[in-house]
N, C-alpha and C. Protein backbone atom coordinates (compact mmCIF):
# COMPACT_ATOMS: atom_id res chain seq x y z
N MET A 1 0.81 -1.20 0.00
CA MET A 1 0.00 0.00 0.00
C MET A 1 0.85 1.27 0.00
N PRO A 2 1.96 1.31 0.73
CA PRO A 2 2.80 2.52 0.70
C PRO A 2 3.32 2.83 -0.71
N ASP A 3 3.64 1.79 -1.51
CA ASP A 3 4.10 2.02 -2.87
C ASP A 3 3.00 2.65 -3.71
N PHE A 4 1.78 2.20 -3.52
CA PHE A 4 0.65 2.75 -4.26
C PHE A 4 0.49 4.24 -3.95
N ILE A 5 0.54 4.57 -2.69
CA ILE A 5 0.39 5.98 -2.29
C ILE A 5 1.56 6.80 -2.80
N SER A 6 2.75 6.27 -2.68
CA SER A 6 3.94 6.96 -3.17
C SER A 6 3.84 7.20 -4.67
N ASN A 7 3.41 6.18 -5.42
CA ASN A 7 3.26 6.32 -6.87
C ASN A 7 2.19 7.34 -7.21
N LEU A 8 1.11 7.34 -6.45
CA LEU A 8 0.02 8.28 -6.67
C LEU A 8 0.51 9.72 -6.47
N ILE A 9 1.28 9.93 -5.42
CA ILE A 9 1.82 11.26 -5.14
C ILE A 9 2.79 11.69 -6.24
N GLN A 10 3.64 10.76 -6.66
CA GLN A 10 4.61 11.06 -7.72
C GLN A 10 3.89 11.38 -9.03
N ASP A 11 2.87 10.60 -9.36
CA ASP A 11 2.10 10.86 -10.59
C ASP A 11 1.44 12.23 -10.54
N LYS A 12 0.93 12.58 -9.38
CA LYS A 12 0.27 13.89 -9.23
C LYS A 12 1.28 15.02 -9.44
N LYS A 13 2.49 14.87 -8.90
CA LYS A 13 3.53 15.88 -9.08
C LYS A 13 3.91 15.99 -10.55
N ARG A 14 4.06 14.83 -11.21
CA ARG A 14 4.42 14.84 -12.63
C ARG A 14 3.32 15.51 -13.46
N TYR A 15 2.08 15.23 -13.12
CA TYR A 15 0.97 15.81 -13.87
C TYR A 15 0.90 17.32 -13.66
N LYS A 16 1.12 17.79 -12.45
CA LYS A 16 1.13 19.23 -12.19
C LYS A 16 2.24 19.91 -12.99
N GLN A 17 3.41 19.26 -13.06
CA GLN A 17 4.52 19.81 -13.84
C GLN A 17 4.16 19.79 -15.33
N PHE A 18 3.53 18.73 -15.77
CA PHE A 18 3.08 18.63 -17.15
C PHE A 18 2.18 19.81 -17.50
N LEU A 19 1.18 20.08 -16.65
CA LEU A 19 0.26 21.19 -16.90
C LEU A 19 0.98 22.53 -16.93
N LYS A 20 1.92 22.70 -16.03
CA LYS A 20 2.71 23.93 -15.99
C LYS A 20 3.49 24.10 -17.30
N ASP A 21 4.10 23.02 -17.76
CA ASP A 21 4.87 23.06 -19.01
C ASP A 21 3.97 23.29 -20.22
N VAL A 22 2.81 22.68 -20.22
CA VAL A 22 1.86 22.89 -21.31
C VAL A 22 1.45 24.36 -21.36
N ASN A 23 1.17 24.94 -20.22
CA ASN A 23 0.75 26.35 -20.18
C ASN A 23 1.84 27.30 -20.65
N ALA A 24 3.09 26.85 -20.63
CA ALA A 24 4.20 27.68 -21.10
C ALA A 24 4.36 27.63 -22.62
N LEU A 25 3.67 26.70 -23.27
CA LEU A 25 3.74 26.58 -24.72
C LEU A 25 2.93 27.69 -25.38
N PRO A 26 3.28 28.04 -26.62
CA PRO A 26 2.42 28.96 -27.38
C PRO A 26 1.01 28.34 -27.52
N ALA A 27 0.01 29.19 -27.63
CA ALA A 27 -1.39 28.77 -27.60
C ALA A 27 -1.75 27.61 -28.54
N PRO A 28 -1.36 27.64 -29.81
CA PRO A 28 -1.79 26.52 -30.67
C PRO A 28 -1.26 25.16 -30.19
N TYR A 29 -0.04 25.14 -29.67
CA TYR A 29 0.56 23.90 -29.17
C TYR A 29 -0.14 23.46 -27.89
N ALA A 30 -0.34 24.41 -26.98
CA ALA A 30 -0.98 24.10 -25.69
C ALA A 30 -2.40 23.61 -25.89
N GLN A 31 -3.17 24.29 -26.71
CA GLN A 31 -4.55 23.90 -26.93
C GLN A 31 -4.65 22.53 -27.60
N THR A 32 -3.78 22.29 -28.56
CA THR A 32 -3.77 20.99 -29.23
C THR A 32 -3.39 19.88 -28.26
N LEU A 33 -2.36 20.13 -27.46
CA LEU A 33 -1.92 19.11 -26.50
C LEU A 33 -3.00 18.82 -25.46
N MET A 34 -3.69 19.84 -25.01
CA MET A 34 -4.76 19.61 -24.04
C MET A 34 -5.92 18.83 -24.67
N ALA A 35 -6.20 19.07 -25.93
CA ALA A 35 -7.25 18.32 -26.62
C ALA A 35 -6.83 16.86 -26.78
N ILE A 36 -5.56 16.62 -27.10
CA ILE A 36 -5.06 15.25 -27.21
C ILE A 36 -5.11 14.57 -25.86
N GLN A 37 -4.72 15.29 -24.81
CA GLN A 37 -4.76 14.72 -23.45
C GLN A 37 -6.19 14.30 -23.10
N LYS A 38 -7.13 15.16 -23.36
CA LYS A 38 -8.53 14.86 -23.05
C LYS A 38 -8.98 13.60 -23.79
N TYR A 39 -8.59 13.49 -25.03
CA TYR A 39 -8.94 12.31 -25.83
C TYR A 39 -8.30 11.05 -25.25
N LEU A 40 -7.00 11.13 -24.93
CA LEU A 40 -6.29 9.96 -24.41
C LEU A 40 -6.83 9.50 -23.07
N TRP A 41 -7.29 10.44 -22.23
CA TRP A 41 -7.82 10.07 -20.92
C TRP A 41 -9.02 9.13 -21.05
N ASN A 42 -9.71 9.20 -22.18
CA ASN A 42 -10.86 8.32 -22.39
C ASN A 42 -10.46 6.85 -22.50
N PHE A 43 -9.20 6.59 -22.80
CA PHE A 43 -8.75 5.22 -23.06
C PHE A 43 -7.71 4.72 -22.08
N ALA A 44 -7.24 5.58 -21.19
CA ALA A 44 -6.11 5.24 -20.33
C ALA A 44 -6.56 4.81 -18.94
N ARG A 45 -5.75 3.94 -18.37
CA ARG A 45 -5.95 3.59 -16.97
C ARG A 45 -5.44 4.76 -16.13
N SER A 46 -6.00 4.93 -14.99
CA SER A 46 -5.65 6.05 -14.13
C SER A 46 -4.15 6.09 -13.85
N GLY A 47 -3.56 7.24 -14.06
CA GLY A 47 -2.16 7.46 -13.74
C GLY A 47 -1.16 6.90 -14.73
N SER A 48 -1.60 6.08 -15.65
CA SER A 48 -0.64 5.42 -16.53
C SER A 48 -0.36 6.19 -17.81
N ILE A 49 -1.07 7.25 -18.04
CA ILE A 49 -0.94 7.98 -19.30
C ILE A 49 0.06 9.14 -19.21
N ILE A 50 0.62 9.39 -18.05
CA ILE A 50 1.52 10.53 -17.89
C ILE A 50 2.77 10.40 -18.76
N GLU A 51 3.33 9.22 -18.87
CA GLU A 51 4.54 9.06 -19.69
C GLU A 51 4.29 9.41 -21.16
N PRO A 52 3.24 8.88 -21.78
CA PRO A 52 2.98 9.30 -23.17
C PRO A 52 2.72 10.80 -23.29
N LEU A 53 2.01 11.37 -22.33
CA LEU A 53 1.75 12.80 -22.37
C LEU A 53 3.04 13.60 -22.28
N GLU A 54 3.95 13.16 -21.43
CA GLU A 54 5.23 13.86 -21.31
C GLU A 54 6.03 13.77 -22.61
N GLU A 55 5.96 12.63 -23.27
CA GLU A 55 6.67 12.49 -24.54
C GLU A 55 6.09 13.39 -25.61
N ILE A 56 4.77 13.50 -25.66
CA ILE A 56 4.13 14.40 -26.61
C ILE A 56 4.51 15.84 -26.26
N LEU A 57 4.52 16.16 -24.98
CA LEU A 57 4.92 17.49 -24.53
C LEU A 57 6.32 17.83 -25.04
N HIS A 58 7.26 16.93 -24.89
CA HIS A 58 8.64 17.20 -25.34
C HIS A 58 8.68 17.43 -26.85
N LEU A 59 7.91 16.64 -27.59
CA LEU A 59 7.82 16.81 -29.03
C LEU A 59 7.27 18.20 -29.36
N PHE A 60 6.23 18.62 -28.65
CA PHE A 60 5.63 19.93 -28.89
C PHE A 60 6.58 21.04 -28.47
N GLN A 61 7.31 20.86 -27.37
CA GLN A 61 8.26 21.89 -26.93
C GLN A 61 9.35 22.10 -27.98
N GLU A 62 9.90 20.99 -28.48
CA GLU A 62 10.94 21.08 -29.51
C GLU A 62 10.40 21.72 -30.78
N SER A 63 9.20 21.32 -31.16
CA SER A 63 8.59 21.85 -32.37
C SER A 63 8.27 23.34 -32.23
N ALA A 64 7.80 23.74 -31.07
CA ALA A 64 7.51 25.16 -30.83
C ALA A 64 8.79 25.98 -30.91
N ALA A 65 9.87 25.46 -30.35
CA ALA A 65 11.15 26.17 -30.38
C ALA A 65 11.66 26.35 -31.81
N GLU A 66 11.31 25.40 -32.68
CA GLU A 66 11.73 25.45 -34.08
C GLU A 66 10.65 26.03 -35.00
N ASN A 67 9.56 26.52 -34.40
CA ASN A 67 8.44 27.10 -35.15
C ASN A 67 7.83 26.13 -36.17
N VAL A 68 7.78 24.86 -35.81
CA VAL A 68 7.14 23.86 -36.66
C VAL A 68 5.64 23.95 -36.41
N PRO A 69 4.83 24.14 -37.45
CA PRO A 69 3.39 24.24 -37.25
C PRO A 69 2.79 22.96 -36.64
N VAL A 70 1.76 23.14 -35.83
CA VAL A 70 1.13 22.01 -35.14
C VAL A 70 0.67 20.95 -36.14
N GLN A 71 0.06 21.38 -37.23
CA GLN A 71 -0.45 20.40 -38.20
C GLN A 71 0.68 19.58 -38.81
N GLN A 72 1.85 20.15 -38.90
CA GLN A 72 3.00 19.39 -39.41
C GLN A 72 3.42 18.32 -38.41
N ILE A 73 3.20 18.56 -37.14
CA ILE A 73 3.55 17.59 -36.09
C ILE A 73 2.55 16.44 -36.08
N ILE A 74 1.28 16.79 -36.07
CA ILE A 74 0.26 15.76 -35.87
C ILE A 74 -0.35 15.24 -37.17
N GLY A 75 -0.09 15.91 -38.28
CA GLY A 75 -0.66 15.50 -39.55
C GLY A 75 -2.08 16.04 -39.71
N SER A 76 -2.77 15.54 -40.70
CA SER A 76 -4.10 16.06 -41.00
C SER A 76 -5.20 15.46 -40.13
N ASP A 77 -4.90 14.37 -39.43
CA ASP A 77 -5.91 13.71 -38.61
C ASP A 77 -5.41 13.56 -37.17
N PRO A 78 -5.88 14.41 -36.25
CA PRO A 78 -5.42 14.32 -34.87
C PRO A 78 -5.80 13.01 -34.19
N VAL A 79 -6.89 12.38 -34.63
CA VAL A 79 -7.28 11.08 -34.06
C VAL A 79 -6.25 10.03 -34.43
N ALA A 80 -5.82 10.02 -35.67
CA ALA A 80 -4.79 9.06 -36.10
C ALA A 80 -3.50 9.29 -35.32
N PHE A 81 -3.13 10.55 -35.10
CA PHE A 81 -1.93 10.86 -34.32
C PHE A 81 -2.07 10.29 -32.91
N ALA A 82 -3.21 10.54 -32.27
CA ALA A 82 -3.44 10.05 -30.90
C ALA A 82 -3.43 8.52 -30.86
N GLU A 83 -4.04 7.89 -31.85
CA GLU A 83 -4.06 6.42 -31.87
C GLU A 83 -2.67 5.85 -32.09
N ASP A 84 -1.85 6.53 -32.90
CA ASP A 84 -0.46 6.09 -33.07
C ASP A 84 0.29 6.15 -31.74
N ILE A 85 -0.01 7.15 -30.95
CA ILE A 85 0.60 7.26 -29.62
C ILE A 85 0.10 6.12 -28.73
N MET A 86 -1.20 5.88 -28.75
CA MET A 86 -1.80 4.88 -27.87
C MET A 86 -1.24 3.48 -28.10
N VAL A 87 -1.02 3.10 -29.35
CA VAL A 87 -0.55 1.74 -29.61
C VAL A 87 0.88 1.53 -29.09
N GLN A 88 1.60 2.61 -28.84
CA GLN A 88 2.96 2.49 -28.30
C GLN A 88 2.96 2.21 -26.80
N TYR A 89 1.79 2.35 -26.15
CA TYR A 89 1.68 2.18 -24.71
C TYR A 89 0.51 1.24 -24.36
N PRO A 90 0.57 0.00 -24.82
CA PRO A 90 -0.57 -0.89 -24.58
C PRO A 90 -0.84 -1.16 -23.10
N GLU A 91 0.21 -1.11 -22.28
CA GLU A 91 0.03 -1.38 -20.85
C GLU A 91 -0.70 -0.24 -20.15
N ALA A 92 -0.77 0.91 -20.78
CA ALA A 92 -1.40 2.07 -20.16
C ALA A 92 -2.87 2.22 -20.54
N LEU A 93 -3.32 1.42 -21.46
CA LEU A 93 -4.65 1.64 -22.01
C LEU A 93 -5.60 0.50 -21.72
N TRP A 94 -6.68 0.80 -21.06
CA TRP A 94 -7.67 -0.22 -20.79
C TRP A 94 -8.35 -0.65 -22.08
N LEU A 95 -8.44 0.22 -23.06
CA LEU A 95 -9.06 -0.11 -24.34
C LEU A 95 -8.34 -1.29 -25.00
N ILE A 96 -7.03 -1.24 -25.05
CA ILE A 96 -6.26 -2.32 -25.67
C ILE A 96 -6.41 -3.60 -24.87
N LYS A 97 -6.46 -3.48 -23.55
CA LYS A 97 -6.68 -4.66 -22.70
C LYS A 97 -7.99 -5.34 -23.09
N TYR A 98 -9.05 -4.56 -23.24
CA TYR A 98 -10.35 -5.13 -23.58
C TYR A 98 -10.40 -5.63 -25.02
N GLN A 99 -9.68 -4.97 -25.92
CA GLN A 99 -9.60 -5.47 -27.29
C GLN A 99 -8.94 -6.84 -27.32
N ASN A 100 -7.83 -6.98 -26.60
CA ASN A 100 -7.13 -8.26 -26.54
C ASN A 100 -7.98 -9.33 -25.85
N GLN A 101 -8.71 -8.93 -24.83
CA GLN A 101 -9.59 -9.87 -24.14
C GLN A 101 -10.68 -10.37 -25.09
N LEU A 102 -11.26 -9.49 -25.87
CA LEU A 102 -12.28 -9.89 -26.83
C LEU A 102 -11.70 -10.84 -27.87
N ARG A 103 -10.52 -10.52 -28.37
CA ARG A 103 -9.86 -11.42 -29.34
C ARG A 103 -9.66 -12.81 -28.75
N GLN A 104 -9.20 -12.86 -27.51
CA GLN A 104 -8.95 -14.15 -26.85
C GLN A 104 -10.26 -14.92 -26.64
N GLN A 105 -11.30 -14.23 -26.23
CA GLN A 105 -12.58 -14.90 -26.00
C GLN A 105 -13.16 -15.48 -27.29
N VAL A 106 -13.04 -14.75 -28.39
CA VAL A 106 -13.53 -15.25 -29.67
C VAL A 106 -12.69 -16.44 -30.12
N LYS A 107 -11.39 -16.35 -29.93
CA LYS A 107 -10.50 -17.44 -30.30
C LYS A 107 -10.86 -18.71 -29.50
N GLU A 108 -11.09 -18.54 -28.23
CA GLU A 108 -11.49 -19.68 -27.38
C GLU A 108 -12.84 -20.24 -27.80
N ALA A 109 -13.77 -19.36 -28.16
CA ALA A 109 -15.10 -19.82 -28.59
C ALA A 109 -15.01 -20.61 -29.89
N GLU A 110 -14.11 -20.21 -30.76
CA GLU A 110 -13.95 -20.92 -32.04
C GLU A 110 -13.39 -22.32 -31.84
N GLN A 111 -12.71 -22.55 -30.74
CA GLN A 111 -12.10 -23.86 -30.48
C GLN A 111 -13.09 -24.83 -29.87
N LEU A 112 -14.29 -24.38 -29.52
CA LEU A 112 -15.30 -25.27 -28.91
C LEU A 112 -15.90 -26.17 -29.95
């Protein structure tokens, strides 16, 4: 239990720093990143999505420093961009867990 609480506190600190860093970005980057975060939260297990968010943040920070337009970073479809991120973190997403569970259940049913 102490590890759980410690991890929870650490995740909260990381998330607060993430928000602070996002707010320091120019508006188009910050708004886009917050929209992506909101989308990803729909599929993530609690606390497990901070690492992908931090990686996206670093990408946006570097791109903002180089004046790379947001659309050049994420492409023409922000959903596809977010899904590409999600598949890199299957352990963080309950959606992928349930997709794999469904695949396994159908496979088992076919063997009956």
